[in-house]
Amino acid sequence: MTKLVVMVQDGLDEVGRRLKQEGYKVVDVDDTGDKIDAIVFSPSQAHEAGSLHSDVMLPGGNNGFVVMINADEKSDNDILSMLENIK
């Protein structure tokens, strides 16, 4: 099964590394032409310039929806569990 494409907000480097280790395709908001399955974001990191802004947002991958995961409220293991449950 192909792993999901996950957009990770700037500043969440540890989360991005962990997802890559688990086989997910991790992309930046500005460097993807892929359909995004999930976005991992952090309101506490929102001060980063351009951290979750783009001129182009593609529709969701698997079913047309994009799952939004707030990293401030979830552990890395919780994030992985949520991603594994996306159909």
Protein backbone atom coordinates (compact mmCIF):
# COMPACT_ATOMS: atom_id res chain seq x y z
CA MET A 1 0.00 0.00 0.00
CA THR A 2 1.28 3.47 -0.90
CA LYS A 3 1.91 5.72 2.07
CA LEU A 4 0.12 9.03 2.30
CA VAL A 5 1.39 12.46 1.28
CA VAL A 6 1.63 14.63 4.38
CA MET A 7 2.29 18.36 4.35
CA VAL A 8 4.18 19.37 7.49
CA GLN A 9 4.26 23.00 8.59
CA ASP A 10 7.63 24.76 8.77
CA GLY A 11 9.09 24.45 12.25
CA LEU A 12 7.84 20.89 12.84
CA ASP A 13 11.06 19.28 11.68
CA GLU A 14 11.05 16.45 14.25
CA VAL A 15 7.55 15.39 13.22
CA GLY A 16 8.56 15.51 9.56
CA ARG A 17 11.64 13.34 10.18
CA ARG A 18 9.60 10.78 12.10
CA LEU A 19 6.98 10.57 9.35
CA LYS A 20 9.69 10.11 6.71
CA GLN A 21 11.23 7.31 8.78
CA GLU A 22 7.82 5.63 8.82
CA GLY A 23 7.63 5.84 5.02
CA TYR A 24 5.29 8.78 4.52
CA LYS A 25 5.98 11.26 1.75
CA VAL A 26 6.53 14.53 3.60
CA VAL A 27 6.21 17.73 1.61
CA ASP A 28 6.52 21.44 2.23
CA VAL A 29 3.72 23.85 1.48
CA ASP A 30 5.68 25.40 -1.38
CA ASP A 31 7.24 22.39 -3.06
CA THR A 32 4.52 19.94 -3.89
CA GLY A 33 2.46 19.14 -6.92
CA ASP A 34 1.03 16.12 -5.12
CA LYS A 35 -2.46 15.78 -3.77
CA ILE A 36 -2.21 16.13 -0.01
CA ASP A 37 -3.78 13.52 2.27
CA ALA A 38 -3.04 15.26 5.58
CA ILE A 39 -1.60 18.46 6.98
CA VAL A 40 0.25 18.53 10.29
CA PHE A 41 0.23 22.05 11.73
CA SER A 42 0.96 23.87 14.96
CA PRO A 43 -0.77 27.11 15.97
CA SER A 44 2.12 27.78 18.37
CA GLN A 45 4.49 27.75 15.37
CA ALA A 46 2.29 30.08 13.31
CA HIS A 47 4.72 32.97 13.81
CA GLU A 48 6.98 31.34 11.22
CA ALA A 49 6.69 33.42 8.07
CA GLY A 50 4.84 31.48 5.40
CA SER A 51 4.58 28.45 7.66
CA LEU A 52 1.28 27.24 6.24
CA HIS A 53 0.49 29.54 3.35
CA SER A 54 0.54 28.84 -0.34
CA ASP A 55 -0.93 30.31 -3.49
CA VAL A 56 -1.91 26.82 -4.66
CA MET A 57 -3.70 24.15 -2.66
CA LEU A 58 -4.59 20.93 -4.42
CA PRO A 59 -7.64 18.87 -3.50
CA GLY A 60 -7.22 16.04 -1.07
CA GLY A 61 -5.77 12.72 -2.10
CA ASN A 62 -7.66 9.55 -1.29
CA ASN A 63 -11.21 10.81 -1.00
CA GLY A 64 -11.06 14.50 -1.80
CA PHE A 65 -10.63 15.51 1.84
CA VAL A 66 -7.53 16.62 3.72
CA VAL A 67 -7.13 15.59 7.36
CA MET A 68 -5.84 18.42 9.55
CA ILE A 69 -3.78 17.34 12.57
CA ASN A 70 -2.87 19.84 15.28
CA ALA A 71 0.60 18.82 16.49
CA ASP A 72 0.16 20.91 19.65
CA GLU A 73 -2.59 18.52 20.77
CA LYS A 74 -1.12 15.19 19.62
CA SER A 75 2.03 13.20 20.33
CA ASP A 76 4.10 11.83 17.45
CA ASN A 77 2.57 8.39 18.09
CA ASP A 78 -0.95 9.89 18.04
CA ILE A 79 -0.18 11.56 14.69
CA LEU A 80 1.07 8.26 13.25
CA SER A 81 -2.03 6.48 14.50
CA MET A 82 -4.31 9.08 12.92
CA LEU A 83 -2.47 8.80 9.60
CA GLU A 84 -2.70 5.00 9.65
CA ASN A 85 -6.47 5.28 9.98
CA ILE A 86 -7.00 7.48 6.91
CA LYS A 87 -8.83 5.54 4.24
